[in-house]
Structure formats: C-alpha cells, structure tokens
Amino acid sequence: MLTVKILGSGCANCRKLEAVAREAADKAGIEAEFVKVTDMKDILAYEVMASPSLVVNEKVVSSGRIPSLAEIQGWLSA
C-alpha cells in the first residue's frame, strides 16, 4: 500500500491538495494511506521550501502548488 503525505500547515491549499490526491487514488483504484504532516520540524526534514507539498512513499513529488488530478495519478501509479 502506498503512503501519501500532505506537508503543510493545514491551510486551504493543503486541504485542496489532500482532496485531489484522494480523488486521484480513488479514480485509479489505488489503495493508499493518507497522512497529514503539519509539524514544521517534520516538514523541514523533507527539505521542501514551499507548501503544500506532496510526498509519495517518502519521495517528494510536488512542492508549492496543487498538481492536476492526472499528474497525481501518474505519481501514484509509478
């Protein structure tokens, strides 16, 4: 099972990113565990400079933007 992490403070964009990522997983039929990471120390451990960020299986795939549904599906399927 994939682990998908949403890195951010919990702002509107963070919630939007989580919603799009969940929809991408559902549409692709991919089972994933979603984890919200809001602690700054934990976020900085990923060396991202902007939020929201998306991490799939400990690999940062997006930072500072909300990727498209198709982009996220590609990362989840890879």
PDB file of N, CA and C in Angstrom:
ATOM      1  N   MET A   1       0.842  -1.187   0.000  1.00  0.00           N
ATOM      2  CA  MET A   1       0.000   0.000   0.000  1.00  0.00           C
ATOM      3  C   MET A   1       0.884   1.247   0.000  1.00  0.00           C
ATOM      4  N   LEU A   2       0.472   2.234  -0.771  1.00  0.00           N
ATOM      5  CA  LEU A   2       1.213   3.491  -0.834  1.00  0.00           C
ATOM      6  C   LEU A   2       0.974   4.329   0.414  1.00  0.00           C
ATOM      7  N   THR A   3       1.974   5.124   0.749  1.00  0.00           N
ATOM      8  CA  THR A   3       1.812   6.125   1.794  1.00  0.00           C
ATOM      9  C   THR A   3       1.925   7.489   1.123  1.00  0.00           C
ATOM     10  N   VAL A   4       0.871   8.291   1.268  1.00  0.00           N
ATOM     11  CA  VAL A   4       0.829   9.620   0.669  1.00  0.00           C
ATOM     12  C   VAL A   4       0.790  10.634   1.801  1.00  0.00           C
ATOM     13  N   LYS A   5       1.762  11.547   1.806  1.00  0.00           N
ATOM     14  CA  LYS A   5       1.814  12.564   2.855  1.00  0.00           C
ATOM     15  C   LYS A   5       1.555  13.937   2.261  1.00  0.00           C
ATOM     16  N   ILE A   6       0.735  14.696   2.967  1.00  0.00           N
ATOM     17  CA  ILE A   6       0.462  16.075   2.615  1.00  0.00           C
ATOM     18  C   ILE A   6       1.229  16.921   3.630  1.00  0.00           C
ATOM     19  N   LEU A   7       2.218  17.681   3.154  1.00  0.00           N
ATOM     20  CA  LEU A   7       3.009  18.524   4.052  1.00  0.00           C
ATOM     21  C   LEU A   7       2.482  19.947   3.983  1.00  0.00           C
ATOM     22  N   GLY A   8       2.113  20.494   5.142  1.00  0.00           N
ATOM     23  CA  GLY A   8       1.634  21.870   5.175  1.00  0.00           C
ATOM     24  C   GLY A   8       0.982  22.191   6.493  1.00  0.00           C
ATOM     25  N   SER A   9       0.632  23.448   6.638  1.00  0.00           N
ATOM     26  CA  SER A   9       0.097  23.941   7.915  1.00  0.00           C
ATOM     27  C   SER A   9      -1.362  23.574   8.144  1.00  0.00           C
ATOM     28  N   GLY A  10      -2.019  23.054   7.109  1.00  0.00           N
ATOM     29  CA  GLY A  10      -3.444  22.768   7.229  1.00  0.00           C
ATOM     30  C   GLY A  10      -4.285  23.862   6.594  1.00  0.00           C
ATOM     31  N   CYS A  11      -3.644  24.683   5.758  1.00  0.00           N
ATOM     32  CA  CYS A  11      -4.322  25.798   5.088  1.00  0.00           C
ATOM     33  C   CYS A  11      -5.286  25.271   4.019  1.00  0.00           C
ATOM     34  N   ALA A  12      -6.005  26.176   3.393  1.00  0.00           N
ATOM     35  CA  ALA A  12      -6.972  25.804   2.362  1.00  0.00           C
ATOM     36  C   ALA A  12      -6.311  25.031   1.226  1.00  0.00           C
ATOM     37  N   ASN A  13      -5.116  25.462   0.789  1.00  0.00           N
ATOM     38  CA  ASN A  13      -4.416  24.758  -0.292  1.00  0.00           C
ATOM     39  C   ASN A  13      -3.991  23.357   0.131  1.00  0.00           C
ATOM     40  N   CYS A  14      -3.646  23.192   1.401  1.00  0.00           N
ATOM     41  CA  CYS A  14      -3.268  21.865   1.904  1.00  0.00           C
ATOM     42  C   CYS A  14      -4.478  20.929   1.849  1.00  0.00           C
ATOM     43  N   ARG A  15      -5.626  21.438   2.254  1.00  0.00           N
ATOM     44  CA  ARG A  15      -6.851  20.631   2.228  1.00  0.00           C
ATOM     45  C   ARG A  15      -7.253  20.303   0.790  1.00  0.00           C
ATOM     46  N   LYS A  16      -7.071  21.260  -0.114  1.00  0.00           N
ATOM     47  CA  LYS A  16      -7.389  21.045  -1.533  1.00  0.00           C
ATOM     48  C   LYS A  16      -6.467  19.973  -2.111  1.00  0.00           C
ATOM     49  N   LEU A  17      -5.179  20.050  -1.796  1.00  0.00           N
ATOM     50  CA  LEU A  17      -4.223  19.051  -2.282  1.00  0.00           C
ATOM     51  C   LEU A  17      -4.608  17.658  -1.796  1.00  0.00           C
ATOM     52  N   GLU A  18      -4.979  17.557  -0.529  1.00  0.00           N
ATOM     53  CA  GLU A  18      -5.382  16.258   0.012  1.00  0.00           C
ATOM     54  C   GLU A  18      -6.611  15.733  -0.722  1.00  0.00           C
ATOM     55  N   ALA A  19      -7.589  16.601  -0.977  1.00  0.00           N
ATOM     56  CA  ALA A  19      -8.811  16.186  -1.666  1.00  0.00           C
ATOM     57  C   ALA A  19      -8.502  15.680  -3.078  1.00  0.00           C
ATOM     58  N   VAL A  20      -7.643  16.396  -3.799  1.00  0.00           N
ATOM     59  CA  VAL A  20      -7.284  15.993  -5.162  1.00  0.00           C
ATOM     60  C   VAL A  20      -6.505  14.680  -5.140  1.00  0.00           C
ATOM     61  N   ALA A  21      -5.605  14.526  -4.181  1.00  0.00           N
ATOM     62  CA  ALA A  21      -4.811  13.294  -4.074  1.00  0.00           C
ATOM     63  C   ALA A  21      -5.703  12.094  -3.751  1.00  0.00           C
ATOM     64  N   ARG A  22      -6.652  12.293  -2.852  1.00  0.00           N
ATOM     65  CA  ARG A  22      -7.592  11.202  -2.513  1.00  0.00           C
ATOM     66  C   ARG A  22      -8.432  10.827  -3.730  1.00  0.00           C
ATOM     67  N   GLU A  23      -8.905  11.835  -4.465  1.00  0.00           N
ATOM     68  CA  GLU A  23      -9.707  11.580  -5.666  1.00  0.00           C
ATOM     69  C   GLU A  23      -8.884  10.829  -6.708  1.00  0.00           C
ATOM     70  N   ALA A  24      -7.620  11.216  -6.880  1.00  0.00           N
ATOM     71  CA  ALA A  24      -6.736  10.551  -7.841  1.00  0.00           C
ATOM     72  C   ALA A  24      -6.560   9.079  -7.481  1.00  0.00           C
ATOM     73  N   ALA A  25      -6.357   8.803  -6.211  1.00  0.00           N
ATOM     74  CA  ALA A  25      -6.185   7.411  -5.764  1.00  0.00           C
ATOM     75  C   ALA A  25      -7.470   6.616  -5.995  1.00  0.00           C
ATOM     76  N   ASP A  26      -8.615   7.212  -5.648  1.00  0.00           N
ATOM     77  CA  ASP A  26      -9.906   6.536  -5.838  1.00  0.00           C
ATOM     78  C   ASP A  26     -10.148   6.208  -7.307  1.00  0.00           C
ATOM     79  N   LYS A  27      -9.941   7.204  -8.178  1.00  0.00           N
ATOM     80  CA  LYS A  27     -10.202   7.002  -9.609  1.00  0.00           C
ATOM     81  C   LYS A  27      -9.253   5.986 -10.228  1.00  0.00           C
ATOM     82  N   ALA A  28      -8.045   5.892  -9.698  1.00  0.00           N
ATOM     83  CA  ALA A  28      -7.064   4.938 -10.238  1.00  0.00           C
ATOM     84  C   ALA A  28      -7.198   3.565  -9.570  1.00  0.00           C
ATOM     85  N   GLY A  29      -8.070   3.467  -8.580  1.00  0.00           N
ATOM     86  CA  GLY A  29      -8.245   2.200  -7.871  1.00  0.00           C
ATOM     87  C   GLY A  29      -7.028   1.827  -7.045  1.00  0.00           C
ATOM     88  N   ILE A  30      -6.311   2.839  -6.549  1.00  0.00           N
ATOM     89  CA  ILE A  30      -5.090   2.606  -5.782  1.00  0.00           C
ATOM     90  C   ILE A  30      -5.381   2.771  -4.292  1.00  0.00           C
ATOM     91  N   GLU A  31      -4.991   1.782  -3.523  1.00  0.00           N
ATOM     92  CA  GLU A  31      -5.173   1.851  -2.076  1.00  0.00           C
ATOM     93  C   GLU A  31      -3.993   2.614  -1.480  1.00  0.00           C
ATOM     94  N   ALA A  32      -4.297   3.657  -0.727  1.00  0.00           N
ATOM     95  CA  ALA A  32      -3.230   4.477  -0.159  1.00  0.00           C
ATOM     96  C   ALA A  32      -3.617   4.940   1.232  1.00  0.00           C
ATOM     97  N   GLU A  33      -2.595   5.105   2.051  1.00  0.00           N
ATOM     98  CA  GLU A  33      -2.782   5.671   3.386  1.00  0.00           C
ATOM     99  C   GLU A  33      -2.403   7.145   3.285  1.00  0.00           C
ATOM    100  N   PHE A  34      -3.299   8.015   3.745  1.00  0.00           N
ATOM    101  CA  PHE A  34      -3.050   9.455   3.676  1.00  0.00           C
ATOM    102  C   PHE A  34      -2.666   9.970   5.055  1.00  0.00           C
ATOM    103  N   VAL A  35      -1.564  10.719   5.099  1.00  0.00           N
ATOM    104  CA  VAL A  35      -1.049  11.249   6.354  1.00  0.00           C
ATOM    105  C   VAL A  35      -0.850  12.754   6.203  1.00  0.00           C
ATOM    106  N   LYS A  36      -1.385  13.508   7.159  1.00  0.00           N
ATOM    107  CA  LYS A  36      -1.160  14.955   7.158  1.00  0.00           C
ATOM    108  C   LYS A  36       0.033  15.244   8.056  1.00  0.00           C
ATOM    109  N   VAL A  37       0.999  15.981   7.531  1.00  0.00           N
ATOM    110  CA  VAL A  37       2.179  16.364   8.306  1.00  0.00           C
ATOM    111  C   VAL A  37       2.114  17.878   8.490  1.00  0.00           C
ATOM    112  N   THR A  38       1.861  18.310   9.729  1.00  0.00           N
ATOM    113  CA  THR A  38       1.695  19.746   9.982  1.00  0.00           C
ATOM    114  C   THR A  38       2.790  20.325  10.870  1.00  0.00           C
ATOM    115  N   ASP A  39       3.574  19.476  11.503  1.00  0.00           N
ATOM    116  CA  ASP A  39       4.648  19.954  12.378  1.00  0.00           C
ATOM    117  C   ASP A  39       5.805  20.484  11.524  1.00  0.00           C
ATOM    118  N   MET A  40       6.195  21.740  11.754  1.00  0.00           N
ATOM    119  CA  MET A  40       7.233  22.372  10.930  1.00  0.00           C
ATOM    120  C   MET A  40       8.543  21.593  10.924  1.00  0.00           C
ATOM    121  N   LYS A  41       8.928  21.049  12.053  1.00  0.00           N
ATOM    122  CA  LYS A  41      10.174  20.288  12.138  1.00  0.00           C
ATOM    123  C   LYS A  41      10.107  19.068  11.215  1.00  0.00           C
ATOM    124  N   ASP A  42       8.964  18.396  11.205  1.00  0.00           N
ATOM    125  CA  ASP A  42       8.789  17.222  10.348  1.00  0.00           C
ATOM    126  C   ASP A  42       8.770  17.621   8.871  1.00  0.00           C
ATOM    127  N   ILE A  43       8.121  18.747   8.563  1.00  0.00           N
ATOM    128  CA  ILE A  43       8.060  19.232   7.182  1.00  0.00           C
ATOM    129  C   ILE A  43       9.462  19.586   6.684  1.00  0.00           C
ATOM    130  N   LEU A  44      10.235  20.282   7.510  1.00  0.00           N
ATOM    131  CA  LEU A  44      11.583  20.696   7.117  1.00  0.00           C
ATOM    132  C   LEU A  44      12.508  19.507   6.884  1.00  0.00           C
ATOM    133  N   ALA A  45      12.214  18.372   7.511  1.00  0.00           N
ATOM    134  CA  ALA A  45      13.027  17.172   7.309  1.00  0.00           C
ATOM    135  C   ALA A  45      12.975  16.711   5.847  1.00  0.00           C
ATOM    136  N   TYR A  46      11.929  17.100   5.122  1.00  0.00           N
ATOM    137  CA  TYR A  46      11.807  16.739   3.704  1.00  0.00           C
ATOM    138  C   TYR A  46      12.496  17.745   2.791  1.00  0.00           C
ATOM    139  N   GLU A  47      13.053  18.804   3.373  1.00  0.00           N
ATOM    140  CA  GLU A  47      13.791  19.824   2.633  1.00  0.00           C
ATOM    141  C   GLU A  47      12.947  20.470   1.540  1.00  0.00           C
ATOM    142  N   VAL A  48      11.681  20.736   1.845  1.00  0.00           N
ATOM    143  CA  VAL A  48      10.832  21.471   0.911  1.00  0.00           C
ATOM    144  C   VAL A  48      10.788  22.926   1.359  1.00  0.00           C
ATOM    145  N   MET A  49      10.726  23.823   0.385  1.00  0.00           N
ATOM    146  CA  MET A  49      10.756  25.250   0.704  1.00  0.00           C
ATOM    147  C   MET A  49       9.370  25.893   0.608  1.00  0.00           C
ATOM    148  N   ALA A  50       8.389  25.156   0.095  1.00  0.00           N
ATOM    149  CA  ALA A  50       7.055  25.732  -0.065  1.00  0.00           C
ATOM    150  C   ALA A  50       6.008  24.675   0.247  1.00  0.00           C
ATOM    151  N   SER A  51       4.873  25.142   0.698  1.00  0.00           N
ATOM    152  CA  SER A  51       3.774  24.215   0.944  1.00  0.00           C
ATOM    153  C   SER A  51       2.585  24.667   0.101  1.00  0.00           C
ATOM    154  N   PRO A  52       1.647  23.806  -0.187  1.00  0.00           N
ATOM    155  CA  PRO A  52       1.647  22.411   0.259  1.00  0.00           C
ATOM    156  C   PRO A  52       2.606  21.563  -0.577  1.00  0.00           C
ATOM    157  N   SER A  53       3.060  20.476   0.015  1.00  0.00           N
ATOM    158  CA  SER A  53       3.925  19.533  -0.693  1.00  0.00           C
ATOM    159  C   SER A  53       3.301  18.154  -0.630  1.00  0.00           C
ATOM    160  N   LEU A  54       3.587  17.365  -1.641  1.00  0.00           N
ATOM    161  CA  LEU A  54       3.046  16.011  -1.723  1.00  0.00           C
ATOM    162  C   LEU A  54       4.204  15.024  -1.727  1.00  0.00           C
ATOM    163  N   VAL A  55       4.119  14.029  -0.853  1.00  0.00           N
ATOM    164  CA  VAL A  55       5.161  13.006  -0.729  1.00  0.00           C
ATOM    165  C   VAL A  55       4.508  11.642  -0.959  1.00  0.00           C
ATOM    166  N   VAL A  56       5.071  10.871  -1.887  1.00  0.00           N
ATOM    167  CA  VAL A  56       4.569   9.521  -2.156  1.00  0.00           C
ATOM    168  C   VAL A  56       5.675   8.537  -1.800  1.00  0.00           C
ATOM    169  N   ASN A  57       5.384   7.660  -0.839  1.00  0.00           N
ATOM    170  CA  ASN A  57       6.373   6.682  -0.366  1.00  0.00           C
ATOM    171  C   ASN A  57       7.726   7.344  -0.076  1.00  0.00           C
ATOM    172  N   GLU A  58       7.684   8.426   0.682  1.00  0.00           N
ATOM    173  CA  GLU A  58       8.867   9.154   1.163  1.00  0.00           C
ATOM    174  C   GLU A  58       9.612   9.913   0.070  1.00  0.00           C
ATOM    175  N   LYS A  59       9.039  10.051  -1.120  1.00  0.00           N
ATOM    176  CA  LYS A  59       9.666  10.830  -2.193  1.00  0.00           C
ATOM    177  C   LYS A  59       8.814  12.074  -2.447  1.00  0.00           C
ATOM    178  N   VAL A  60       9.440  13.243  -2.355  1.00  0.00           N
ATOM    179  CA  VAL A  60       8.726  14.493  -2.621  1.00  0.00           C
ATOM    180  C   VAL A  60       8.471  14.577  -4.123  1.00  0.00           C
ATOM    181  N   VAL A  61       7.195  14.658  -4.507  1.00  0.00           N
ATOM    182  CA  VAL A  61       6.855  14.717  -5.931  1.00  0.00           C
ATOM    183  C   VAL A  61       6.345  16.092  -6.344  1.00  0.00           C
ATOM    184  N   SER A  62       5.921  16.889  -5.370  1.00  0.00           N
ATOM    185  CA  SER A  62       5.394  18.215  -5.699  1.00  0.00           C
ATOM    186  C   SER A  62       5.562  19.132  -4.499  1.00  0.00           C
ATOM    187  N   SER A  63       5.856  20.407  -4.777  1.00  0.00           N
ATOM    188  CA  SER A  63       6.034  21.375  -3.697  1.00  0.00           C
ATOM    189  C   SER A  63       5.560  22.755  -4.144  1.00  0.00           C
ATOM    190  N   GLY A  64       4.768  23.394  -3.307  1.00  0.00           N
ATOM    191  CA  GLY A  64       4.369  24.771  -3.558  1.00  0.00           C
ATOM    192  C   GLY A  64       3.242  24.966  -4.551  1.00  0.00           C
ATOM    193  N   ARG A  65       2.568  23.885  -4.914  1.00  0.00           N
ATOM    194  CA  ARG A  65       1.464  24.013  -5.861  1.00  0.00           C
ATOM    195  C   ARG A  65       0.495  22.849  -5.685  1.00  0.00           C
ATOM    196  N   ILE A  66      -0.642  22.949  -6.367  1.00  0.00           N
ATOM    197  CA  ILE A  66      -1.601  21.849  -6.366  1.00  0.00           C
ATOM    198  C   ILE A  66      -1.562  21.223  -7.758  1.00  0.00           C
ATOM    199  N   PRO A  67      -0.951  20.046  -7.871  1.00  0.00           N
ATOM    200  CA  PRO A  67      -0.841  19.392  -9.177  1.00  0.00           C
ATOM    201  C   PRO A  67      -2.213  18.947  -9.687  1.00  0.00           C
ATOM    202  N   SER A  68      -2.276  18.651 -10.974  1.00  0.00           N
ATOM    203  CA  SER A  68      -3.530  18.177 -11.561  1.00  0.00           C
ATOM    204  C   SER A  68      -3.817  16.746 -11.117  1.00  0.00           C
ATOM    205  N   LEU A  69      -5.066  16.367 -11.279  1.00  0.00           N
ATOM    206  CA  LEU A  69      -5.500  15.006 -10.967  1.00  0.00           C
ATOM    207  C   LEU A  69      -4.671  13.992 -11.753  1.00  0.00           C
ATOM    208  N   ALA A  70      -4.451  14.270 -13.046  1.00  0.00           N
ATOM    209  CA  ALA A  70      -3.693  13.352 -13.905  1.00  0.00           C
ATOM    210  C   ALA A  70      -2.245  13.218 -13.440  1.00  0.00           C
ATOM    211  N   GLU A  71      -1.626  14.341 -13.033  1.00  0.00           N
ATOM    212  CA  GLU A  71      -0.241  14.287 -12.540  1.00  0.00           C
ATOM    213  C   GLU A  71      -0.153  13.382 -11.320  1.00  0.00           C
ATOM    214  N   ILE A  72      -1.073  13.585 -10.394  1.00  0.00           N
ATOM    215  CA  ILE A  72      -1.048  12.793  -9.157  1.00  0.00           C
ATOM    216  C   ILE A  72      -1.288  11.322  -9.455  1.00  0.00           C
ATOM    217  N   GLN A  73      -2.214  11.029 -10.353  1.00  0.00           N
ATOM    218  CA  GLN A  73      -2.466   9.634 -10.714  1.00  0.00           C
ATOM    219  C   GLN A  73      -1.195   8.991 -11.281  1.00  0.00           C
ATOM    220  N   GLY A  74      -0.450   9.746 -12.076  1.00  0.00           N
ATOM    221  CA  GLY A  74       0.800   9.239 -12.629  1.00  0.00           C
ATOM    222  C   GLY A  74       1.802   8.888 -11.545  1.00  0.00           C
ATOM    223  N   TRP A  75       1.923   9.774 -10.559  1.00  0.00           N
ATOM    224  CA  TRP A  75       2.879   9.520  -9.460  1.00  0.00           C
ATOM    225  C   TRP A  75       2.439   8.326  -8.616  1.00  0.00           C
ATOM    226  N   LEU A  76       1.134   8.193  -8.392  1.00  0.00           N
ATOM    227  CA  LEU A  76       0.641   7.088  -7.573  1.00  0.00           C
ATOM    228  C   LEU A  76       0.795   5.753  -8.293  1.00  0.00           C
ATOM    229  N   SER A  77       0.694   5.778  -9.613  1.00  0.00           N
ATOM    230  CA  SER A  77       0.783   4.547 -10.405  1.00  0.00           C
ATOM    231  C   SER A  77       2.217   4.101 -10.653  1.00  0.00           C
ATOM    232  N   ALA A  78       3.157   5.045 -10.556  1.00  0.00           N
ATOM    233  CA  ALA A  78       4.564   4.744 -10.880  1.00  0.00           C
ATOM    234  C   ALA A  78       5.159   3.723  -9.931  1.00  0.00           C
TER     235      ALA A  78
END
